[in-house]
Amino acid sequence: QVQLVESGGGLVQPGGSLRLSCAASGIIFSMYDMAWYRQAPGKQRELVAAITRSGSTNYADSVKGRFTISRDNAKNTVYVQMNSLKPDDTAVYYCNAAWRSTYFWGQGTQVTVSS
C-alpha cells in the first residue's frame, strides 16, 4: 500500500518560514520523481517545486528564490523549505510521486500565511 504523508503545515505570519515534509512508503522512493503542488480556494492545483530522482530541481516562478525542495532517499522523504512566505502562498500543499505513468498523491497539508 502506497502512502505519502505530508506534515509541517500551519499558520505563519507574512515573512515567516515553514518546512513541509512528505514521508513515502510502499514505493521504491529513489526511483520516483517527487514534487510539491498547491491548491488555493477557487484555483486549480499548481506545481510549486519538483525534484527528479537524479536531484535536478525546478520551481514555479512565483516561489523561485524563496522555496527550496530537497530529498533524502535514505529516509524516503521529500522536503520543501519555504521562506519569506506571502499571503498568496496560502493553500493546501500536496506531495506527488511520479514514475513513468504512475502517480501518487498525499492527502495534503494546509499552509496559511496571515497576520
N, C-alpha and C. Protein backbone atom coordinates (compact mmCIF):
# COMPACT_ATOMS: atom_id res chain seq x y z
N GLN A 1 0.85 -1.19 0.00
CA GLN A 1 0.00 0.00 0.00
C GLN A 1 0.88 1.24 0.00
N VAL A 2 0.64 2.11 -0.97
CA VAL A 2 1.44 3.32 -1.09
C VAL A 2 0.85 4.41 -0.20
N GLN A 3 1.73 5.06 0.54
CA GLN A 3 1.30 6.20 1.35
C GLN A 3 2.29 7.34 1.19
N LEU A 4 1.76 8.53 1.01
CA LEU A 4 2.54 9.77 1.06
C LEU A 4 1.92 10.61 2.16
N VAL A 5 2.67 10.88 3.20
CA VAL A 5 2.14 11.58 4.36
C VAL A 5 2.86 12.91 4.53
N GLU A 6 2.13 14.00 4.31
CA GLU A 6 2.69 15.33 4.47
C GLU A 6 2.57 15.79 5.91
N SER A 7 3.49 16.64 6.31
CA SER A 7 3.45 17.26 7.63
C SER A 7 4.18 18.59 7.56
N GLY A 8 3.97 19.41 8.60
CA GLY A 8 4.69 20.67 8.71
C GLY A 8 3.90 21.90 8.36
N GLY A 9 2.67 21.74 7.92
CA GLY A 9 1.86 22.90 7.62
C GLY A 9 1.40 23.61 8.88
N GLY A 10 0.79 24.78 8.68
CA GLY A 10 0.30 25.54 9.82
C GLY A 10 0.07 26.98 9.46
N LEU A 11 -0.10 27.77 10.51
CA LEU A 11 -0.32 29.21 10.37
C LEU A 11 0.99 29.94 10.62
N VAL A 12 1.33 30.84 9.72
CA VAL A 12 2.57 31.59 9.84
C VAL A 12 2.32 33.02 9.40
N GLN A 13 3.06 33.95 9.98
CA GLN A 13 2.91 35.34 9.60
C GLN A 13 3.66 35.62 8.29
N PRO A 14 3.24 36.64 7.56
CA PRO A 14 3.98 37.02 6.35
C PRO A 14 5.44 37.27 6.67
N GLY A 15 6.31 36.77 5.79
CA GLY A 15 7.74 36.85 6.02
C GLY A 15 8.32 35.69 6.77
N GLY A 16 7.46 34.84 7.31
CA GLY A 16 7.92 33.70 8.07
C GLY A 16 8.32 32.52 7.20
N SER A 17 8.67 31.42 7.88
CA SER A 17 9.15 30.23 7.20
C SER A 17 8.44 28.98 7.71
N LEU A 18 8.36 28.00 6.85
CA LEU A 18 7.87 26.68 7.21
C LEU A 18 8.66 25.66 6.40
N ARG A 19 8.78 24.46 6.95
CA ARG A 19 9.34 23.35 6.20
C ARG A 19 8.32 22.22 6.17
N LEU A 20 7.92 21.86 4.97
CA LEU A 20 7.00 20.74 4.80
C LEU A 20 7.81 19.47 4.53
N SER A 21 7.29 18.37 5.05
CA SER A 21 7.89 17.06 4.82
C SER A 21 6.86 16.12 4.22
N CYS A 22 7.33 15.20 3.43
CA CYS A 22 6.45 14.17 2.86
C CYS A 22 7.18 12.84 2.98
N ALA A 23 6.66 11.99 3.82
CA ALA A 23 7.25 10.67 4.03
C ALA A 23 6.52 9.64 3.16
N ALA A 24 7.29 8.91 2.39
CA ALA A 24 6.71 7.94 1.46
C ALA A 24 6.94 6.52 1.97
N SER A 25 5.97 5.67 1.70
CA SER A 25 6.11 4.25 1.99
C SER A 25 5.38 3.47 0.91
N GLY A 26 5.82 2.23 0.70
CA GLY A 26 5.17 1.39 -0.29
C GLY A 26 5.68 1.58 -1.70
N ILE A 27 6.69 2.44 -1.87
CA ILE A 27 7.30 2.63 -3.19
C ILE A 27 8.82 2.57 -3.04
N ILE A 28 9.49 2.33 -4.16
CA ILE A 28 10.95 2.44 -4.18
C ILE A 28 11.24 3.91 -4.39
N PHE A 29 11.39 4.63 -3.30
CA PHE A 29 11.41 6.08 -3.31
C PHE A 29 12.46 6.64 -4.27
N SER A 30 13.61 6.04 -4.31
CA SER A 30 14.71 6.59 -5.11
C SER A 30 14.42 6.56 -6.61
N MET A 31 13.43 5.78 -7.01
CA MET A 31 13.09 5.68 -8.43
C MET A 31 12.12 6.76 -8.87
N TYR A 32 11.51 7.43 -7.93
CA TYR A 32 10.44 8.36 -8.22
C TYR A 32 10.92 9.81 -8.30
N ASP A 33 10.37 10.53 -9.27
CA ASP A 33 10.45 11.98 -9.26
C ASP A 33 9.42 12.48 -8.24
N MET A 34 9.80 13.47 -7.46
CA MET A 34 8.91 13.96 -6.40
C MET A 34 8.60 15.44 -6.63
N ALA A 35 7.44 15.84 -6.16
CA ALA A 35 7.06 17.24 -6.37
C ALA A 35 6.10 17.69 -5.28
N TRP A 36 6.03 18.99 -5.13
CA TRP A 36 5.03 19.65 -4.29
C TRP A 36 4.11 20.47 -5.20
N TYR A 37 2.83 20.30 -4.98
CA TYR A 37 1.81 21.10 -5.63
C TYR A 37 1.03 21.84 -4.54
N ARG A 38 0.28 22.83 -4.97
CA ARG A 38 -0.61 23.51 -4.03
C ARG A 38 -1.91 23.89 -4.73
N GLN A 39 -2.93 24.02 -3.91
CA GLN A 39 -4.24 24.43 -4.42
C GLN A 39 -4.87 25.39 -3.43
N ALA A 40 -5.09 26.59 -3.92
CA ALA A 40 -5.77 27.61 -3.12
C ALA A 40 -7.26 27.55 -3.41
N PRO A 41 -8.08 28.05 -2.51
CA PRO A 41 -9.54 28.02 -2.72
C PRO A 41 -9.92 28.69 -4.04
N GLY A 42 -10.71 27.99 -4.83
CA GLY A 42 -11.19 28.54 -6.08
C GLY A 42 -10.19 28.52 -7.22
N LYS A 43 -9.02 27.93 -6.98
CA LYS A 43 -7.98 27.91 -8.00
C LYS A 43 -7.60 26.47 -8.35
N GLN A 44 -6.96 26.32 -9.50
CA GLN A 44 -6.50 25.00 -9.90
C GLN A 44 -5.24 24.62 -9.13
N ARG A 45 -5.03 23.33 -9.02
CA ARG A 45 -3.79 22.85 -8.40
C ARG A 45 -2.62 23.22 -9.31
N GLU A 46 -1.54 23.70 -8.69
CA GLU A 46 -0.39 24.13 -9.47
C GLU A 46 0.90 23.54 -8.92
N LEU A 47 1.85 23.35 -9.82
CA LEU A 47 3.15 22.85 -9.41
C LEU A 47 3.91 23.94 -8.67
N VAL A 48 4.49 23.59 -7.54
CA VAL A 48 5.29 24.53 -6.76
C VAL A 48 6.77 24.25 -6.99
N ALA A 49 7.17 23.00 -6.80
CA ALA A 49 8.58 22.63 -6.92
C ALA A 49 8.67 21.14 -7.20
N ALA A 50 9.71 20.76 -7.93
CA ALA A 50 9.89 19.35 -8.27
C ALA A 50 11.37 18.99 -8.18
N ILE A 51 11.60 17.72 -7.88
CA ILE A 51 12.97 17.21 -7.84
C ILE A 51 12.97 15.82 -8.47
N THR A 52 13.83 15.63 -9.44
CA THR A 52 13.88 14.34 -10.11
C THR A 52 14.63 13.33 -9.25
N ARG A 53 14.61 12.09 -9.68
CA ARG A 53 15.30 11.06 -8.92
C ARG A 53 16.81 11.27 -8.95
N SER A 54 17.27 12.02 -9.95
CA SER A 54 18.70 12.33 -10.01
C SER A 54 19.06 13.61 -9.27
N GLY A 55 18.05 14.32 -8.77
CA GLY A 55 18.31 15.51 -7.95
C GLY A 55 18.15 16.83 -8.66
N SER A 56 17.76 16.82 -9.92
CA SER A 56 17.50 18.08 -10.62
C SER A 56 16.22 18.70 -10.09
N THR A 57 16.22 20.02 -10.01
CA THR A 57 15.07 20.71 -9.44
C THR A 57 14.51 21.75 -10.40
N ASN A 58 13.24 22.05 -10.23
CA ASN A 58 12.65 23.19 -10.91
C ASN A 58 11.54 23.76 -10.04
N TYR A 59 11.26 25.04 -10.24
CA TYR A 59 10.35 25.78 -9.38
C TYR A 59 9.38 26.63 -10.19
N ALA A 60 8.22 26.84 -9.62
CA ALA A 60 7.32 27.83 -10.18
C ALA A 60 7.96 29.20 -10.04
N ASP A 61 7.71 30.07 -11.02
CA ASP A 61 8.31 31.40 -10.97
C ASP A 61 7.93 32.13 -9.68
N SER A 62 6.74 31.88 -9.19
CA SER A 62 6.24 32.61 -8.02
C SER A 62 6.99 32.26 -6.73
N VAL A 63 7.74 31.15 -6.73
CA VAL A 63 8.42 30.74 -5.50
C VAL A 63 9.94 30.70 -5.65
N LYS A 64 10.44 30.96 -6.85
CA LYS A 64 11.89 30.93 -7.07
C LYS A 64 12.60 31.89 -6.13
N GLY A 65 13.68 31.41 -5.53
CA GLY A 65 14.43 32.23 -4.60
C GLY A 65 13.88 32.21 -3.19
N ARG A 66 12.69 31.67 -2.99
CA ARG A 66 12.09 31.61 -1.65
C ARG A 66 11.93 30.18 -1.15
N PHE A 67 11.64 29.25 -2.06
CA PHE A 67 11.41 27.85 -1.70
C PHE A 67 12.57 26.99 -2.18
N THR A 68 12.87 25.96 -1.41
CA THR A 68 13.90 25.00 -1.79
C THR A 68 13.39 23.59 -1.56
N ILE A 69 13.40 22.79 -2.60
CA ILE A 69 12.99 21.40 -2.49
C ILE A 69 14.23 20.52 -2.34
N SER A 70 14.10 19.48 -1.53
CA SER A 70 15.20 18.55 -1.35
C SER A 70 14.62 17.18 -1.04
N ARG A 71 15.47 16.17 -1.13
CA ARG A 71 15.03 14.81 -0.84
C ARG A 71 16.12 14.07 -0.08
N ASP A 72 15.67 13.13 0.74
CA ASP A 72 16.57 12.25 1.48
C ASP A 72 16.13 10.83 1.16
N ASN A 73 16.83 10.20 0.25
CA ASN A 73 16.43 8.85 -0.17
C ASN A 73 16.58 7.82 0.95
N ALA A 74 17.48 8.07 1.88
CA ALA A 74 17.65 7.15 3.00
C ALA A 74 16.44 7.18 3.93
N LYS A 75 15.75 8.31 3.96
CA LYS A 75 14.57 8.47 4.83
C LYS A 75 13.26 8.41 4.04
N ASN A 76 13.35 8.19 2.72
CA ASN A 76 12.14 8.16 1.88
C ASN A 76 11.31 9.42 2.07
N THR A 77 11.96 10.55 2.12
CA THR A 77 11.28 11.79 2.44
C THR A 77 11.71 12.91 1.50
N VAL A 78 10.73 13.71 1.10
CA VAL A 78 10.99 14.92 0.33
C VAL A 78 10.54 16.12 1.16
N TYR A 79 11.29 17.20 1.04
CA TYR A 79 11.03 18.40 1.82
C TYR A 79 10.85 19.60 0.90
N VAL A 80 10.19 20.61 1.43
CA VAL A 80 10.25 21.92 0.81
C VAL A 80 10.40 22.95 1.92
N GLN A 81 11.49 23.67 1.86
CA GLN A 81 11.73 24.78 2.78
C GLN A 81 11.14 26.03 2.17
N MET A 82 10.23 26.67 2.89
CA MET A 82 9.52 27.83 2.38
C MET A 82 9.88 29.04 3.23
N ASN A 83 10.54 30.00 2.63
CA ASN A 83 10.95 31.22 3.32
C ASN A 83 10.23 32.43 2.73
N SER A 84 10.28 33.52 3.46
CA SER A 84 9.65 34.78 3.00
C SER A 84 8.23 34.54 2.51
N LEU A 85 7.47 33.85 3.33
CA LEU A 85 6.12 33.48 2.92
C LEU A 85 5.22 34.70 2.77
N LYS A 86 4.31 34.58 1.80
CA LYS A 86 3.38 35.67 1.50
C LYS A 86 1.95 35.15 1.66
N PRO A 87 0.99 36.05 1.85
CA PRO A 87 -0.40 35.59 1.92
C PRO A 87 -0.82 34.78 0.68
N ASP A 88 -0.26 35.12 -0.49
CA ASP A 88 -0.59 34.37 -1.71
C ASP A 88 -0.10 32.93 -1.69
N ASP A 89 0.77 32.59 -0.75
CA ASP A 89 1.22 31.21 -0.62
C ASP A 89 0.22 30.34 0.15
N THR A 90 -0.82 30.96 0.67
CA THR A 90 -1.84 30.20 1.40
C THR A 90 -2.52 29.20 0.48
N ALA A 91 -2.50 27.93 0.88
CA ALA A 91 -3.07 26.86 0.06
C ALA A 91 -2.93 25.54 0.80
N VAL A 92 -3.56 24.52 0.25
CA VAL A 92 -3.27 23.16 0.67
C VAL A 92 -2.12 22.66 -0.20
N TYR A 93 -1.10 22.15 0.44
CA TYR A 93 0.09 21.68 -0.26
C TYR A 93 0.06 20.16 -0.33
N TYR A 94 0.29 19.65 -1.52
CA TYR A 94 0.23 18.21 -1.77
C TYR A 94 1.58 17.69 -2.25
N CYS A 95 1.91 16.53 -1.77
CA CYS A 95 3.09 15.81 -2.22
C CYS A 95 2.69 14.88 -3.37
N ASN A 96 3.57 14.77 -4.36
CA ASN A 96 3.31 13.92 -5.52
C ASN A 96 4.54 13.08 -5.82
N ALA A 97 4.30 11.82 -6.12
CA ALA A 97 5.36 10.90 -6.54
C ALA A 97 5.02 10.40 -7.94
N ALA A 98 5.99 10.45 -8.84
CA ALA A 98 5.73 10.07 -10.23
C ALA A 98 6.84 9.17 -10.76
N TRP A 99 6.43 8.12 -11.43
CA TRP A 99 7.36 7.22 -12.12
C TRP A 99 6.66 6.72 -13.36
N ARG A 100 7.19 7.08 -14.52
CA ARG A 100 6.57 6.77 -15.80
C ARG A 100 5.13 7.28 -15.77
N SER A 101 4.15 6.42 -15.96
CA SER A 101 2.75 6.87 -15.99
C SER A 101 2.05 6.63 -14.66
N THR A 102 2.80 6.34 -13.63
CA THR A 102 2.23 6.07 -12.31
C THR A 102 2.41 7.29 -11.41
N TYR A 103 1.32 7.70 -10.77
CA TYR A 103 1.35 8.88 -9.91
C TYR A 103 0.66 8.55 -8.59
N PHE A 104 1.20 9.10 -7.53
CA PHE A 104 0.58 9.00 -6.22
C PHE A 104 0.53 10.39 -5.59
N TRP A 105 -0.52 10.60 -4.78
CA TRP A 105 -0.70 11.88 -4.09
C TRP A 105 -0.85 11.66 -2.60
N GLY A 106 -0.37 12.65 -1.86
CA GLY A 106 -0.64 12.69 -0.44
C GLY A 106 -2.00 13.32 -0.18
N GLN A 107 -2.34 13.41 1.10
CA GLN A 107 -3.65 13.93 1.48
C GLN A 107 -3.65 15.46 1.60
N GLY A 108 -2.50 16.04 1.63
CA GLY A 108 -2.39 17.50 1.69
C GLY A 108 -2.18 18.03 3.10
N THR A 109 -1.54 19.17 3.18
CA THR A 109 -1.36 19.86 4.46
C THR A 109 -1.62 21.35 4.23
N GLN A 110 -2.36 21.95 5.15
CA GLN A 110 -2.77 23.34 4.98
C GLN A 110 -1.65 24.28 5.42
N VAL A 111 -1.36 25.25 4.57
CA VAL A 111 -0.45 26.35 4.90
C VAL A 111 -1.24 27.65 4.82
N THR A 112 -1.26 28.39 5.90
CA THR A 112 -1.96 29.67 5.94
C THR A 112 -0.98 30.75 6.33
N VAL A 113 -0.87 31.76 5.49
CA VAL A 113 0.03 32.88 5.75
C VAL A 113 -0.83 34.11 6.02
N SER A 114 -0.82 34.54 7.25
CA SER A 114 -1.71 35.63 7.65
C SER A 114 -1.17 36.28 8.91
N SER A 115 -1.43 37.58 9.01
CA SER A 115 -1.06 38.29 10.23
C SER A 115 -2.24 38.35 11.19
